[in-house]
Amino acid sequence: MKYKVRALAVDLTVVPHTYTVPRDEIIDTATNQIFEACATIRDVEIAYEDFWNYLNGDDEVHDPSAKVKVLSVTPVDQ
């Protein structure tokens, strides 16, 4: 299944926090190992944020100046 993920990055190192312009990415769960176990849009959202934010472990955001937040996940017509 293919999904369009719209996400942005938040800079947590400044106050007030700043945000990037949202960007879209197509995720194909059939060909991308990171998402192969995803069956719902919620699964895709969790896996996407987990991959980008917790590359080095579960207790520290990988890059606090660019924490990724998913805004939407929508199925893409095949």
N, C-alpha and C. Protein backbone atom coordinates (compact mmCIF):
# COMPACT_ATOMS: atom_id res chain seq x y z
N MET A 1 0.85 -1.18 0.00
CA MET A 1 0.00 0.00 0.00
C MET A 1 0.89 1.23 0.00
N LYS A 2 0.45 2.24 -0.72
CA LYS A 2 1.19 3.50 -0.74
C LYS A 2 0.43 4.57 0.04
N TYR A 3 1.20 5.40 0.74
CA TYR A 3 0.64 6.49 1.52
C TYR A 3 1.40 7.78 1.26
N LYS A 4 0.68 8.89 1.25
CA LYS A 4 1.34 10.19 1.21
C LYS A 4 1.43 10.71 2.64
N VAL A 5 2.65 10.97 3.08
CA VAL A 5 2.89 11.50 4.42
C VAL A 5 3.25 12.97 4.29
N ARG A 6 2.52 13.82 4.99
CA ARG A 6 2.85 15.25 5.06
C ARG A 6 3.40 15.50 6.46
N ALA A 7 4.62 16.04 6.50
CA ALA A 7 5.28 16.26 7.78
C ALA A 7 6.04 17.57 7.76
N LEU A 8 6.36 18.05 8.94
CA LEU A 8 7.21 19.22 9.09
C LEU A 8 8.20 18.95 10.20
N ALA A 9 9.17 19.84 10.34
CA ALA A 9 10.14 19.72 11.42
C ALA A 9 9.99 20.92 12.35
N VAL A 10 10.16 20.64 13.64
CA VAL A 10 10.06 21.66 14.67
C VAL A 10 11.44 21.83 15.30
N ASP A 11 11.87 23.07 15.42
CA ASP A 11 13.14 23.36 16.10
C ASP A 11 12.84 23.58 17.57
N LEU A 12 13.18 22.59 18.40
CA LEU A 12 12.93 22.66 19.83
C LEU A 12 14.02 23.39 20.60
N THR A 13 15.06 23.82 19.90
CA THR A 13 16.19 24.45 20.58
C THR A 13 16.02 25.96 20.71
N VAL A 14 14.97 26.52 20.15
CA VAL A 14 14.72 27.95 20.25
C VAL A 14 13.31 28.19 20.81
N VAL A 15 13.16 29.35 21.45
CA VAL A 15 11.85 29.74 21.98
C VAL A 15 11.54 31.12 21.43
N PRO A 16 10.42 31.30 20.75
CA PRO A 16 9.44 30.26 20.46
C PRO A 16 9.96 29.27 19.42
N HIS A 17 9.39 28.06 19.44
CA HIS A 17 9.79 27.04 18.49
C HIS A 17 9.50 27.52 17.07
N THR A 18 10.31 27.09 16.13
CA THR A 18 10.07 27.41 14.72
C THR A 18 9.74 26.14 13.96
N TYR A 19 9.10 26.32 12.82
CA TYR A 19 8.61 25.20 12.03
C TYR A 19 9.06 25.35 10.57
N THR A 20 9.35 24.23 9.95
CA THR A 20 9.66 24.25 8.52
C THR A 20 8.35 24.24 7.73
N VAL A 21 8.47 24.46 6.46
CA VAL A 21 7.33 24.30 5.56
C VAL A 21 7.03 22.80 5.46
N PRO A 22 5.77 22.41 5.53
CA PRO A 22 5.45 20.98 5.40
C PRO A 22 5.92 20.43 4.05
N ARG A 23 6.32 19.14 4.06
CA ARG A 23 6.70 18.48 2.82
C ARG A 23 5.99 17.14 2.73
N ASP A 24 5.82 16.68 1.51
CA ASP A 24 5.13 15.41 1.26
C ASP A 24 6.13 14.36 0.81
N GLU A 25 5.87 13.13 1.24
CA GLU A 25 6.69 11.99 0.83
C GLU A 25 5.76 10.80 0.61
N ILE A 26 6.01 10.05 -0.44
CA ILE A 26 5.23 8.84 -0.71
C ILE A 26 5.96 7.66 -0.07
N ILE A 27 5.23 6.92 0.74
CA ILE A 27 5.75 5.72 1.41
C ILE A 27 5.06 4.51 0.80
N ASP A 28 5.84 3.53 0.39
CA ASP A 28 5.31 2.29 -0.15
C ASP A 28 5.64 1.17 0.84
N THR A 29 4.63 0.68 1.52
CA THR A 29 4.87 -0.34 2.55
C THR A 29 5.32 -1.67 1.94
N ALA A 30 5.10 -1.86 0.65
CA ALA A 30 5.51 -3.10 -0.01
C ALA A 30 7.00 -3.12 -0.32
N THR A 31 7.63 -1.96 -0.42
CA THR A 31 9.04 -1.91 -0.81
C THR A 31 9.95 -1.27 0.22
N ASN A 32 9.39 -0.64 1.25
CA ASN A 32 10.20 0.04 2.26
C ASN A 32 10.18 -0.77 3.55
N GLN A 33 11.31 -1.33 3.92
CA GLN A 33 11.40 -2.21 5.09
C GLN A 33 10.97 -1.53 6.39
N ILE A 34 11.18 -0.25 6.50
CA ILE A 34 10.81 0.47 7.72
C ILE A 34 9.30 0.41 7.94
N PHE A 35 8.55 0.34 6.85
CA PHE A 35 7.09 0.41 6.93
C PHE A 35 6.40 -0.90 6.57
N GLU A 36 7.15 -1.98 6.40
CA GLU A 36 6.54 -3.23 5.91
C GLU A 36 5.50 -3.82 6.86
N ALA A 37 5.58 -3.53 8.16
CA ALA A 37 4.60 -4.07 9.11
C ALA A 37 3.40 -3.14 9.30
N CYS A 38 3.38 -2.02 8.61
CA CYS A 38 2.30 -1.04 8.76
C CYS A 38 1.04 -1.48 8.02
N ALA A 39 -0.09 -1.45 8.73
CA ALA A 39 -1.36 -1.83 8.12
C ALA A 39 -2.37 -0.70 8.13
N THR A 40 -2.09 0.38 8.87
CA THR A 40 -3.04 1.49 8.98
C THR A 40 -2.28 2.81 8.85
N ILE A 41 -3.04 3.89 8.67
CA ILE A 41 -2.39 5.21 8.60
C ILE A 41 -1.72 5.54 9.94
N ARG A 42 -2.31 5.08 11.03
CA ARG A 42 -1.69 5.31 12.34
C ARG A 42 -0.34 4.60 12.43
N ASP A 43 -0.26 3.37 11.94
CA ASP A 43 1.00 2.64 11.93
C ASP A 43 2.07 3.39 11.16
N VAL A 44 1.69 3.95 10.00
CA VAL A 44 2.63 4.69 9.17
C VAL A 44 3.11 5.94 9.90
N GLU A 45 2.19 6.66 10.51
CA GLU A 45 2.55 7.88 11.26
C GLU A 45 3.54 7.56 12.37
N ILE A 46 3.27 6.53 13.13
CA ILE A 46 4.14 6.16 14.25
C ILE A 46 5.52 5.74 13.74
N ALA A 47 5.56 4.91 12.70
CA ALA A 47 6.84 4.45 12.16
C ALA A 47 7.65 5.59 11.57
N TYR A 48 6.98 6.53 10.90
CA TYR A 48 7.66 7.67 10.28
C TYR A 48 8.32 8.54 11.35
N GLU A 49 7.55 8.92 12.35
CA GLU A 49 8.10 9.76 13.42
C GLU A 49 9.18 9.02 14.20
N ASP A 50 8.96 7.74 14.45
CA ASP A 50 9.94 6.94 15.18
C ASP A 50 11.27 6.89 14.43
N PHE A 51 11.20 6.66 13.11
CA PHE A 51 12.43 6.57 12.33
C PHE A 51 13.21 7.88 12.37
N TRP A 52 12.55 9.00 12.11
CA TRP A 52 13.28 10.27 12.01
C TRP A 52 13.68 10.84 13.36
N ASN A 53 12.89 10.59 14.41
CA ASN A 53 13.16 11.23 15.71
C ASN A 53 14.00 10.41 16.67
N TYR A 54 14.03 9.11 16.52
CA TYR A 54 14.69 8.26 17.51
C TYR A 54 15.70 7.31 16.87
N LEU A 55 16.53 7.85 15.99
CA LEU A 55 17.53 7.04 15.30
C LEU A 55 18.52 6.39 16.25
N ASN A 56 18.84 7.05 17.36
CA ASN A 56 19.88 6.56 18.27
C ASN A 56 19.34 5.91 19.53
N GLY A 57 18.04 5.77 19.66
CA GLY A 57 17.47 5.14 20.85
C GLY A 57 16.17 5.80 21.26
N ASP A 58 15.48 5.17 22.19
CA ASP A 58 14.15 5.61 22.59
C ASP A 58 14.13 6.75 23.59
N ASP A 59 15.26 7.10 24.18
CA ASP A 59 15.27 8.09 25.25
C ASP A 59 15.84 9.45 24.87
N GLU A 60 16.10 9.66 23.59
CA GLU A 60 16.66 10.93 23.17
C GLU A 60 16.25 11.24 21.73
N VAL A 61 15.73 12.45 21.52
CA VAL A 61 15.40 12.88 20.17
C VAL A 61 16.70 13.05 19.40
N HIS A 62 16.76 12.44 18.23
CA HIS A 62 17.98 12.44 17.42
C HIS A 62 18.48 13.85 17.13
N ASP A 63 17.60 14.74 16.70
CA ASP A 63 17.98 16.10 16.35
C ASP A 63 16.92 17.07 16.86
N PRO A 64 17.11 17.62 18.07
CA PRO A 64 16.10 18.52 18.63
C PRO A 64 15.87 19.78 17.80
N SER A 65 16.79 20.10 16.91
CA SER A 65 16.57 21.27 16.06
C SER A 65 15.72 20.94 14.84
N ALA A 66 15.37 19.66 14.68
CA ALA A 66 14.54 19.24 13.54
C ALA A 66 13.70 18.03 13.90
N LYS A 67 12.91 18.15 14.98
CA LYS A 67 12.03 17.04 15.36
C LYS A 67 10.88 16.96 14.37
N VAL A 68 10.66 15.78 13.81
CA VAL A 68 9.66 15.58 12.77
C VAL A 68 8.29 15.32 13.40
N LYS A 69 7.29 16.00 12.85
CA LYS A 69 5.91 15.78 13.27
C LYS A 69 5.06 15.54 12.02
N VAL A 70 4.39 14.41 11.98
CA VAL A 70 3.51 14.08 10.87
C VAL A 70 2.20 14.86 11.03
N LEU A 71 1.79 15.51 9.96
CA LEU A 71 0.52 16.24 9.96
C LEU A 71 -0.61 15.40 9.41
N SER A 72 -0.31 14.58 8.39
CA SER A 72 -1.36 13.73 7.82
C SER A 72 -0.74 12.54 7.10
N VAL A 73 -1.53 11.48 7.02
CA VAL A 73 -1.18 10.30 6.24
C VAL A 73 -2.43 9.94 5.45
N THR A 74 -2.29 9.87 4.14
CA THR A 74 -3.44 9.55 3.30
C THR A 74 -3.07 8.45 2.32
N PRO A 75 -3.97 7.48 2.12
CA PRO A 75 -3.70 6.44 1.13
C PRO A 75 -3.60 7.03 -0.26
N VAL A 76 -2.72 6.46 -1.07
CA VAL A 76 -2.55 6.90 -2.45
C VAL A 76 -3.20 5.85 -3.34
N ASP A 77 -4.03 6.30 -4.27
CA ASP A 77 -4.65 5.37 -5.21
C ASP A 77 -3.58 4.71 -6.05
N GLN A 78 -3.69 3.42 -6.20
CA GLN A 78 -2.70 2.63 -6.94
C GLN A 78 -2.85 2.80 -8.42
